[in-house]
Amino acid sequence: MMTATFGQELIGLVVVDSRGDILGTVADLMLDLNSGAVGTLVIELQPSLDATKLPWPSEAGLMLLPSEEIDRVGPQIVLKR
């Protein structure tokens, strides 16, 4: 899990899969209330994506991405897969 102080900097970042394909942008964060760490990112998906083909839950153009799926964070968020 990522620390909450770093979490606010994630909102608005582009999220790409391991091949560099854009999935969307970070719209919001869900925190673990006990630890204060970022547990899940809420991703606003690219309109052209078929969310049913993604391995994470989604609804109405938003996807819930566990922070454990993140490989690295820089100018964009890169996923492990």
N, C-alpha and C. Protein backbone atom coordinates (compact mmCIF):
# COMPACT_ATOMS: atom_id res chain seq x y z
N MET A 1 0.83 -1.18 0.00
CA MET A 1 0.00 0.00 0.00
C MET A 1 0.88 1.25 0.00
N MET A 2 0.36 2.28 -0.61
CA MET A 2 1.08 3.55 -0.65
C MET A 2 0.61 4.45 0.49
N THR A 3 1.47 5.34 0.92
CA THR A 3 1.09 6.23 2.00
C THR A 3 0.10 7.28 1.52
N ALA A 4 -0.76 7.72 2.39
CA ALA A 4 -1.82 8.68 2.04
C ALA A 4 -1.24 10.04 1.67
N THR A 5 -0.13 10.43 2.27
CA THR A 5 0.44 11.74 1.95
C THR A 5 0.87 11.78 0.49
N PHE A 6 1.31 10.66 -0.03
CA PHE A 6 1.69 10.57 -1.44
C PHE A 6 0.46 10.41 -2.32
N GLY A 7 -0.63 9.89 -1.75
CA GLY A 7 -1.83 9.56 -2.52
C GLY A 7 -2.43 10.72 -3.28
N GLN A 8 -2.51 11.90 -2.68
CA GLN A 8 -3.12 13.05 -3.37
C GLN A 8 -2.40 13.38 -4.67
N GLU A 9 -1.10 13.11 -4.74
CA GLU A 9 -0.33 13.38 -5.96
C GLU A 9 -0.70 12.44 -7.09
N LEU A 10 -1.41 11.37 -6.80
CA LEU A 10 -1.78 10.40 -7.83
C LEU A 10 -2.98 10.84 -8.65
N ILE A 11 -3.86 11.65 -8.07
CA ILE A 11 -5.08 12.05 -8.78
C ILE A 11 -4.71 12.82 -10.04
N GLY A 12 -5.29 12.38 -11.16
CA GLY A 12 -5.04 13.00 -12.45
C GLY A 12 -3.95 12.32 -13.26
N LEU A 13 -3.19 11.41 -12.65
CA LEU A 13 -2.15 10.72 -13.41
C LEU A 13 -2.75 9.70 -14.37
N VAL A 14 -2.10 9.52 -15.51
CA VAL A 14 -2.50 8.53 -16.50
C VAL A 14 -2.05 7.15 -16.00
N VAL A 15 -2.91 6.15 -16.21
CA VAL A 15 -2.61 4.76 -15.83
C VAL A 15 -2.42 3.95 -17.10
N VAL A 16 -1.28 3.26 -17.19
CA VAL A 16 -1.00 2.42 -18.35
C VAL A 16 -0.72 0.99 -17.89
N ASP A 17 -1.01 0.03 -18.78
CA ASP A 17 -0.69 -1.36 -18.44
C ASP A 17 0.78 -1.62 -18.75
N SER A 18 1.23 -2.84 -18.54
CA SER A 18 2.65 -3.16 -18.70
C SER A 18 3.15 -2.99 -20.13
N ARG A 19 2.24 -2.98 -21.10
CA ARG A 19 2.62 -2.77 -22.50
C ARG A 19 2.61 -1.29 -22.89
N GLY A 20 2.15 -0.44 -21.98
CA GLY A 20 2.10 0.99 -22.27
C GLY A 20 0.77 1.47 -22.81
N ASP A 21 -0.23 0.59 -22.87
CA ASP A 21 -1.57 0.99 -23.33
C ASP A 21 -2.28 1.77 -22.22
N ILE A 22 -2.88 2.90 -22.59
CA ILE A 22 -3.57 3.75 -21.61
C ILE A 22 -4.90 3.14 -21.20
N LEU A 23 -5.08 2.98 -19.87
CA LEU A 23 -6.35 2.50 -19.34
C LEU A 23 -7.25 3.65 -18.93
N GLY A 24 -6.67 4.73 -18.43
CA GLY A 24 -7.46 5.87 -17.99
C GLY A 24 -6.65 6.77 -17.08
N THR A 25 -7.35 7.53 -16.23
CA THR A 25 -6.69 8.43 -15.29
C THR A 25 -7.24 8.21 -13.88
N VAL A 26 -6.42 8.51 -12.89
CA VAL A 26 -6.83 8.36 -11.50
C VAL A 26 -7.84 9.46 -11.16
N ALA A 27 -9.05 9.04 -10.77
CA ALA A 27 -10.11 9.99 -10.44
C ALA A 27 -10.26 10.19 -8.93
N ASP A 28 -9.93 9.15 -8.16
CA ASP A 28 -10.11 9.23 -6.71
C ASP A 28 -9.30 8.12 -6.05
N LEU A 29 -9.25 8.18 -4.72
CA LEU A 29 -8.51 7.21 -3.93
C LEU A 29 -9.41 6.66 -2.84
N MET A 30 -9.18 5.41 -2.47
CA MET A 30 -9.87 4.82 -1.33
C MET A 30 -8.79 4.47 -0.32
N LEU A 31 -8.94 5.00 0.89
CA LEU A 31 -7.93 4.81 1.92
C LEU A 31 -8.30 3.69 2.88
N ASP A 32 -7.29 3.04 3.41
CA ASP A 32 -7.47 2.11 4.52
C ASP A 32 -7.53 2.98 5.77
N LEU A 33 -8.67 3.02 6.44
CA LEU A 33 -8.86 3.92 7.57
C LEU A 33 -7.98 3.57 8.77
N ASN A 34 -7.58 2.32 8.88
CA ASN A 34 -6.71 1.92 9.99
C ASN A 34 -5.27 2.40 9.79
N SER A 35 -4.76 2.25 8.58
CA SER A 35 -3.35 2.60 8.33
C SER A 35 -3.16 3.96 7.68
N GLY A 36 -4.22 4.47 7.02
CA GLY A 36 -4.09 5.72 6.28
C GLY A 36 -3.46 5.54 4.91
N ALA A 37 -3.18 4.32 4.53
CA ALA A 37 -2.54 4.04 3.24
C ALA A 37 -3.59 3.97 2.13
N VAL A 38 -3.14 4.27 0.91
CA VAL A 38 -4.00 4.14 -0.26
C VAL A 38 -4.17 2.65 -0.54
N GLY A 39 -5.40 2.17 -0.52
CA GLY A 39 -5.66 0.77 -0.77
C GLY A 39 -6.13 0.50 -2.19
N THR A 40 -6.94 1.42 -2.72
CA THR A 40 -7.54 1.24 -4.05
C THR A 40 -7.56 2.58 -4.77
N LEU A 41 -7.26 2.53 -6.06
CA LEU A 41 -7.38 3.72 -6.91
C LEU A 41 -8.66 3.59 -7.72
N VAL A 42 -9.39 4.68 -7.85
CA VAL A 42 -10.57 4.71 -8.71
C VAL A 42 -10.10 5.32 -10.04
N ILE A 43 -10.20 4.53 -11.10
CA ILE A 43 -9.70 4.93 -12.41
C ILE A 43 -10.86 5.28 -13.32
N GLU A 44 -10.80 6.47 -13.92
CA GLU A 44 -11.76 6.84 -14.96
C GLU A 44 -11.23 6.26 -16.26
N LEU A 45 -11.93 5.27 -16.78
CA LEU A 45 -11.46 4.53 -17.95
C LEU A 45 -11.56 5.32 -19.24
N GLN A 46 -10.66 5.01 -20.17
CA GLN A 46 -10.74 5.56 -21.52
C GLN A 46 -12.08 5.12 -22.12
N PRO A 47 -12.82 6.02 -22.76
CA PRO A 47 -14.13 5.66 -23.32
C PRO A 47 -14.07 4.52 -24.34
N SER A 48 -12.93 4.37 -25.01
CA SER A 48 -12.82 3.34 -26.06
C SER A 48 -12.54 1.94 -25.51
N LEU A 49 -12.27 1.81 -24.21
CA LEU A 49 -11.95 0.51 -23.62
C LEU A 49 -13.20 -0.33 -23.36
N ASP A 50 -13.05 -1.62 -23.55
CA ASP A 50 -14.10 -2.56 -23.17
C ASP A 50 -13.77 -3.05 -21.76
N ALA A 51 -14.42 -2.48 -20.76
CA ALA A 51 -14.11 -2.77 -19.36
C ALA A 51 -14.34 -4.23 -18.99
N THR A 52 -15.17 -4.94 -19.74
CA THR A 52 -15.44 -6.34 -19.43
C THR A 52 -14.21 -7.22 -19.67
N LYS A 53 -13.24 -6.72 -20.42
CA LYS A 53 -12.03 -7.49 -20.71
C LYS A 53 -10.92 -7.22 -19.69
N LEU A 54 -11.17 -6.33 -18.75
CA LEU A 54 -10.18 -6.03 -17.72
C LEU A 54 -10.41 -6.91 -16.50
N PRO A 55 -9.34 -7.25 -15.78
CA PRO A 55 -9.48 -8.17 -14.64
C PRO A 55 -9.95 -7.51 -13.34
N TRP A 56 -10.27 -6.23 -13.37
CA TRP A 56 -10.68 -5.52 -12.15
C TRP A 56 -12.14 -5.08 -12.28
N PRO A 57 -12.82 -4.92 -11.14
CA PRO A 57 -14.24 -4.52 -11.19
C PRO A 57 -14.42 -3.10 -11.73
N SER A 58 -15.47 -2.91 -12.52
CA SER A 58 -15.75 -1.58 -13.06
C SER A 58 -17.25 -1.41 -13.23
N GLU A 59 -17.65 -0.13 -13.21
CA GLU A 59 -19.05 0.22 -13.40
C GLU A 59 -19.12 1.67 -13.81
N ALA A 60 -19.95 1.96 -14.80
CA ALA A 60 -20.21 3.33 -15.26
C ALA A 60 -18.93 4.07 -15.60
N GLY A 61 -17.98 3.38 -16.24
CA GLY A 61 -16.76 4.03 -16.70
C GLY A 61 -15.69 4.21 -15.64
N LEU A 62 -15.92 3.66 -14.43
CA LEU A 62 -14.94 3.73 -13.36
C LEU A 62 -14.49 2.32 -12.99
N MET A 63 -13.20 2.17 -12.72
CA MET A 63 -12.64 0.87 -12.37
C MET A 63 -11.95 0.98 -11.02
N LEU A 64 -12.07 -0.06 -10.19
CA LEU A 64 -11.39 -0.11 -8.91
C LEU A 64 -10.10 -0.91 -9.06
N LEU A 65 -8.98 -0.25 -8.81
CA LEU A 65 -7.67 -0.86 -9.01
C LEU A 65 -6.94 -0.96 -7.67
N PRO A 66 -6.69 -2.18 -7.17
CA PRO A 66 -5.94 -2.33 -5.92
C PRO A 66 -4.52 -1.78 -6.10
N SER A 67 -4.00 -1.10 -5.10
CA SER A 67 -2.67 -0.51 -5.21
C SER A 67 -1.58 -1.56 -5.41
N GLU A 68 -1.85 -2.81 -5.03
CA GLU A 68 -0.87 -3.88 -5.22
C GLU A 68 -0.60 -4.16 -6.70
N GLU A 69 -1.48 -3.71 -7.58
CA GLU A 69 -1.32 -3.92 -9.02
C GLU A 69 -0.32 -2.94 -9.66
N ILE A 70 0.11 -1.95 -8.90
CA ILE A 70 0.99 -0.91 -9.44
C ILE A 70 2.44 -1.37 -9.41
N ASP A 71 3.10 -1.26 -10.55
CA ASP A 71 4.52 -1.60 -10.66
C ASP A 71 5.37 -0.41 -10.26
N ARG A 72 5.05 0.76 -10.84
CA ARG A 72 5.83 1.97 -10.51
C ARG A 72 5.00 3.21 -10.79
N VAL A 73 5.38 4.29 -10.10
CA VAL A 73 4.73 5.58 -10.26
C VAL A 73 5.79 6.60 -10.64
N GLY A 74 5.51 7.33 -11.71
CA GLY A 74 6.39 8.39 -12.17
C GLY A 74 5.51 9.43 -12.82
N PRO A 75 5.87 9.84 -14.03
CA PRO A 75 4.98 10.76 -14.75
C PRO A 75 3.62 10.13 -15.05
N GLN A 76 3.59 8.79 -15.00
CA GLN A 76 2.35 8.03 -15.13
C GLN A 76 2.44 6.82 -14.23
N ILE A 77 1.32 6.15 -14.02
CA ILE A 77 1.28 4.95 -13.20
C ILE A 77 1.34 3.75 -14.13
N VAL A 78 2.32 2.88 -13.90
CA VAL A 78 2.50 1.69 -14.72
C VAL A 78 2.11 0.47 -13.90
N LEU A 79 1.24 -0.36 -14.48
CA LEU A 79 0.76 -1.56 -13.79
C LEU A 79 1.69 -2.74 -14.01
N LYS A 80 1.58 -3.73 -13.15
CA LYS A 80 2.40 -4.94 -13.24
C LYS A 80 2.01 -5.82 -14.42
N ARG A 81 0.74 -5.70 -14.86
CA ARG A 81 0.30 -6.54 -15.98
C ARG A 81 -0.41 -5.73 -17.02
